[in-house]
Structures are given as C-alpha cells and as structure tokens.
Amino acid sequence: MSRNGQRGEGRLGCLVGLVLLAIAGLVAYRMIPIKVRAAELRDTAYDEAKSAGQHSDKQIHEAILYKAKQLELPVEASNVLVKRSPNHIRVELKYTVPVEFPGYTYQWNFNHKFENPVF
C-alpha cells in the first residue's frame, strides 16, 4: 500500500503548532508580570479607598503613587484622581503600560475606579 501525497504533511502541522506555542509563551512571559503588578496596584487603591475615613486625600494619592513606583508602573500624579464628598470617596486610576514585542509595542490601558462610603 503506497502513501503518495502524504509525505511530510504531519511535520508542517507540528511546526505550526510549535510556532504558535512559542508566540503564546512570549505573550504570557511579557504580559503576566504586568497584570500581576497592575492587580497589586489596584488592590492598594481599593484598600486606600476603603480607609478614606482614616486618611486624607493627599495621603491616599501619595500612597497610590508610592506603590506604583515600587511596582515600576508608569503612573503619574495626574493619573490618580481622589474625589471626596461628605459621605463617599471616589478613587480613579488610569495609566498605560507599553508592552514590547519583537516588531510591535502594545499599549495596555488600565482604568481602575472605586467608590466607597466614608466612615
């Protein structure tokens, strides 16, 4: 029984699969650490919004900027908005992290908003 026309077809599929796996690995390698640091900053902003009764707006603002600097995230003072009303506080955090890939830079936008009552 001859298998003419089937020689080498399995190799191409394997090669394509390996290339796709390598690309997925590179994307994960570049993006997962950024996502983890962004989640840590989001948690800090949320905790600061929850403790608004104990901290001033300036303290909240500075704590978020300090944490962003520790995490090496590109957050400027203008990216952090702290608004307080008599009963509520709103903390808003917007920033963009450039993610470098060979031949392409992805601009990853983050936008965190928290509104909590002030006790």
C-alpha atoms as a PDB file:
ATOM      1  CA  MET A   1       0.000   0.000   0.000  1.00  0.00           C
ATOM      2  CA  SER A   2       1.566   3.289  -1.100  1.00  0.00           C
ATOM      3  CA  ARG A   3       1.060   6.625   0.695  1.00  0.00           C
ATOM      4  CA  ASN A   4       1.886   9.003  -2.115  1.00  0.00           C
ATOM      5  CA  GLY A   5       0.909  12.587  -1.338  1.00  0.00           C
ATOM      6  CA  GLN A   6       1.075  12.162   2.421  1.00  0.00           C
ATOM      7  CA  ARG A   7       4.796  12.517   2.950  1.00  0.00           C
ATOM      8  CA  GLY A   8       5.750  15.367   5.295  1.00  0.00           C
ATOM      9  CA  GLU A   9       2.266  16.672   5.973  1.00  0.00           C
ATOM     10  CA  GLY A  10       2.487  15.895   9.692  1.00  0.00           C
ATOM     11  CA  ARG A  11       5.711  17.864  10.058  1.00  0.00           C
ATOM     12  CA  LEU A  12       4.195  21.122   8.856  1.00  0.00           C
ATOM     13  CA  GLY A  13       1.335  20.875  11.335  1.00  0.00           C
ATOM     14  CA  CYS A  14       3.810  20.188  14.139  1.00  0.00           C
ATOM     15  CA  LEU A  15       5.962  23.164  13.106  1.00  0.00           C
ATOM     16  CA  VAL A  16       2.938  25.494  13.010  1.00  0.00           C
ATOM     17  CA  GLY A  17       1.887  24.220  16.431  1.00  0.00           C
ATOM     18  CA  LEU A  18       5.358  24.859  17.869  1.00  0.00           C
ATOM     19  CA  VAL A  19       5.448  28.392  16.419  1.00  0.00           C
ATOM     20  CA  LEU A  20       2.030  29.176  17.916  1.00  0.00           C
ATOM     21  CA  LEU A  21       3.148  27.732  21.258  1.00  0.00           C
ATOM     22  CA  ALA A  22       6.282  29.898  21.194  1.00  0.00           C
ATOM     23  CA  ILE A  23       4.218  33.018  20.438  1.00  0.00           C
ATOM     24  CA  ALA A  24       1.787  32.222  23.255  1.00  0.00           C
ATOM     25  CA  GLY A  25       4.723  31.680  25.609  1.00  0.00           C
ATOM     26  CA  LEU A  26       6.263  35.029  24.669  1.00  0.00           C
ATOM     27  CA  VAL A  27       2.953  36.855  25.162  1.00  0.00           C
ATOM     28  CA  ALA A  28       2.465  35.217  28.562  1.00  0.00           C
ATOM     29  CA  TYR A  29       6.079  35.948  29.562  1.00  0.00           C
ATOM     30  CA  ARG A  30       5.658  39.647  28.772  1.00  0.00           C
ATOM     31  CA  MET A  31       2.089  40.237  29.968  1.00  0.00           C
ATOM     32  CA  ILE A  32       1.573  38.131  33.102  1.00  0.00           C
ATOM     33  CA  PRO A  33       4.082  40.069  35.279  1.00  0.00           C
ATOM     34  CA  ILE A  34       2.468  43.360  34.236  1.00  0.00           C
ATOM     35  CA  LYS A  35      -1.007  42.014  35.025  1.00  0.00           C
ATOM     36  CA  VAL A  36       0.157  40.857  38.471  1.00  0.00           C
ATOM     37  CA  ARG A  37       1.718  44.264  39.271  1.00  0.00           C
ATOM     38  CA  ALA A  38      -1.399  46.075  37.996  1.00  0.00           C
ATOM     39  CA  ALA A  39      -3.601  43.879  40.210  1.00  0.00           C
ATOM     40  CA  GLU A  40      -1.401  44.687  43.198  1.00  0.00           C
ATOM     41  CA  LEU A  41      -1.724  48.418  42.491  1.00  0.00           C
ATOM     42  CA  ARG A  42      -5.490  48.022  42.045  1.00  0.00           C
ATOM     43  CA  ASP A  43      -5.683  46.304  45.458  1.00  0.00           C
ATOM     44  CA  THR A  44      -3.705  49.132  47.053  1.00  0.00           C
ATOM     45  CA  ALA A  45      -6.015  51.751  45.520  1.00  0.00           C
ATOM     46  CA  TYR A  46      -9.053  49.783  46.725  1.00  0.00           C
ATOM     47  CA  ASP A  47      -7.643  49.483  50.252  1.00  0.00           C
ATOM     48  CA  GLU A  48      -6.883  53.190  50.328  1.00  0.00           C
ATOM     49  CA  ALA A  49     -10.436  53.986  49.201  1.00  0.00           C
ATOM     50  CA  LYS A  50     -11.787  51.745  51.983  1.00  0.00           C
ATOM     51  CA  SER A  51      -9.699  53.536  54.616  1.00  0.00           C
ATOM     52  CA  ALA A  52     -10.757  57.015  53.497  1.00  0.00           C
ATOM     53  CA  GLY A  53     -12.052  57.839  56.981  1.00  0.00           C
ATOM     54  CA  GLN A  54      -8.546  57.483  58.368  1.00  0.00           C
ATOM     55  CA  HIS A  55      -6.502  59.101  55.577  1.00  0.00           C
ATOM     56  CA  SER A  56      -6.644  62.442  53.852  1.00  0.00           C
ATOM     57  CA  ASP A  57      -6.993  62.744  50.085  1.00  0.00           C
ATOM     58  CA  LYS A  58      -3.321  63.694  49.851  1.00  0.00           C
ATOM     59  CA  GLN A  59      -2.244  60.630  51.853  1.00  0.00           C
ATOM     60  CA  ILE A  60      -4.323  58.366  49.616  1.00  0.00           C
ATOM     61  CA  HIS A  61      -2.904  59.990  46.490  1.00  0.00           C
ATOM     62  CA  GLU A  62       0.684  59.660  47.734  1.00  0.00           C
ATOM     63  CA  ALA A  63       0.212  56.041  48.883  1.00  0.00           C
ATOM     64  CA  ILE A  64      -1.013  55.035  45.423  1.00  0.00           C
ATOM     65  CA  LEU A  65       1.855  56.845  43.683  1.00  0.00           C
ATOM     66  CA  TYR A  66       4.361  55.292  46.083  1.00  0.00           C
ATOM     67  CA  LYS A  67       3.048  51.785  45.389  1.00  0.00           C
ATOM     68  CA  ALA A  68       3.095  52.415  41.630  1.00  0.00           C
ATOM     69  CA  LYS A  69       6.724  53.490  41.889  1.00  0.00           C
ATOM     70  CA  GLN A  70       7.573  50.354  43.900  1.00  0.00           C
ATOM     71  CA  LEU A  71       5.885  48.192  41.263  1.00  0.00           C
ATOM     72  CA  GLU A  72       7.620  50.104  38.441  1.00  0.00           C
ATOM     73  CA  LEU A  73       4.347  51.049  36.775  1.00  0.00           C
ATOM     74  CA  PRO A  74       4.191  54.293  34.728  1.00  0.00           C
ATOM     75  CA  VAL A  75       1.700  56.183  36.899  1.00  0.00           C
ATOM     76  CA  GLU A  76       1.972  59.959  37.091  1.00  0.00           C
ATOM     77  CA  ALA A  77       0.339  62.211  39.691  1.00  0.00           C
ATOM     78  CA  SER A  78      -2.177  63.323  37.061  1.00  0.00           C
ATOM     79  CA  ASN A  79      -3.257  59.681  36.547  1.00  0.00           C
ATOM     80  CA  VAL A  80      -4.623  59.428  40.105  1.00  0.00           C
ATOM     81  CA  LEU A  81      -7.891  61.179  40.969  1.00  0.00           C
ATOM     82  CA  VAL A  82      -9.184  61.270  44.534  1.00  0.00           C
ATOM     83  CA  LYS A  83     -12.592  62.944  44.983  1.00  0.00           C
ATOM     84  CA  ARG A  84     -14.315  63.149  48.319  1.00  0.00           C
ATOM     85  CA  SER A  85     -17.875  64.122  49.130  1.00  0.00           C
ATOM     86  CA  PRO A  86     -19.278  64.203  52.674  1.00  0.00           C
ATOM     87  CA  ASN A  87     -20.372  60.557  52.504  1.00  0.00           C
ATOM     88  CA  HIS A  88     -18.357  58.968  49.693  1.00  0.00           C
ATOM     89  CA  ILE A  89     -14.885  58.846  48.245  1.00  0.00           C
ATOM     90  CA  ARG A  90     -14.029  58.058  44.655  1.00  0.00           C
ATOM     91  CA  VAL A  91     -10.574  56.915  43.611  1.00  0.00           C
ATOM     92  CA  GLU A  92      -9.792  56.694  39.922  1.00  0.00           C
ATOM     93  CA  LEU A  93      -6.559  55.428  38.446  1.00  0.00           C
ATOM     94  CA  LYS A  94      -5.772  55.481  34.703  1.00  0.00           C
ATOM     95  CA  TYR A  95      -2.470  54.580  33.119  1.00  0.00           C
ATOM     96  CA  THR A  96      -0.946  52.860  30.108  1.00  0.00           C
ATOM     97  CA  VAL A  97       1.846  50.295  30.155  1.00  0.00           C
ATOM     98  CA  PRO A  98       3.787  49.762  26.920  1.00  0.00           C
ATOM     99  CA  VAL A  99       4.475  46.051  26.323  1.00  0.00           C
ATOM    100  CA  GLU A 100       7.388  45.413  23.959  1.00  0.00           C
ATOM    101  CA  PHE A 101       7.240  42.563  21.458  1.00  0.00           C
ATOM    102  CA  PRO A 102       9.599  41.970  18.544  1.00  0.00           C
ATOM    103  CA  GLY A 103       8.495  44.497  15.930  1.00  0.00           C
ATOM    104  CA  TYR A 104       5.479  45.745  17.895  1.00  0.00           C
ATOM    105  CA  THR A 105       4.665  47.693  21.066  1.00  0.00           C
ATOM    106  CA  TYR A 106       1.256  47.078  22.601  1.00  0.00           C
ATOM    107  CA  GLN A 107      -0.195  49.934  24.693  1.00  0.00           C
ATOM    108  CA  TRP A 108      -2.034  48.217  27.569  1.00  0.00           C
ATOM    109  CA  ASN A 109      -4.563  50.592  29.161  1.00  0.00           C
ATOM    110  CA  PHE A 110      -5.642  50.186  32.774  1.00  0.00           C
ATOM    111  CA  ASN A 111      -8.587  52.007  34.339  1.00  0.00           C
ATOM    112  CA  HIS A 112      -9.485  51.330  37.968  1.00  0.00           C
ATOM    113  CA  LYS A 113     -12.407  53.068  39.713  1.00  0.00           C
ATOM    114  CA  PHE A 114     -13.513  52.659  43.303  1.00  0.00           C
ATOM    115  CA  GLU A 115     -16.281  54.394  45.191  1.00  0.00           C
ATOM    116  CA  ASN A 116     -16.763  53.706  48.872  1.00  0.00           C
ATOM    117  CA  PRO A 117     -18.637  55.273  51.743  1.00  0.00           C
ATOM    118  CA  VAL A 118     -16.591  57.287  54.207  1.00  0.00           C
ATOM    119  CA  PHE A 119     -16.876  56.179  57.817  1.00  0.00           C
END
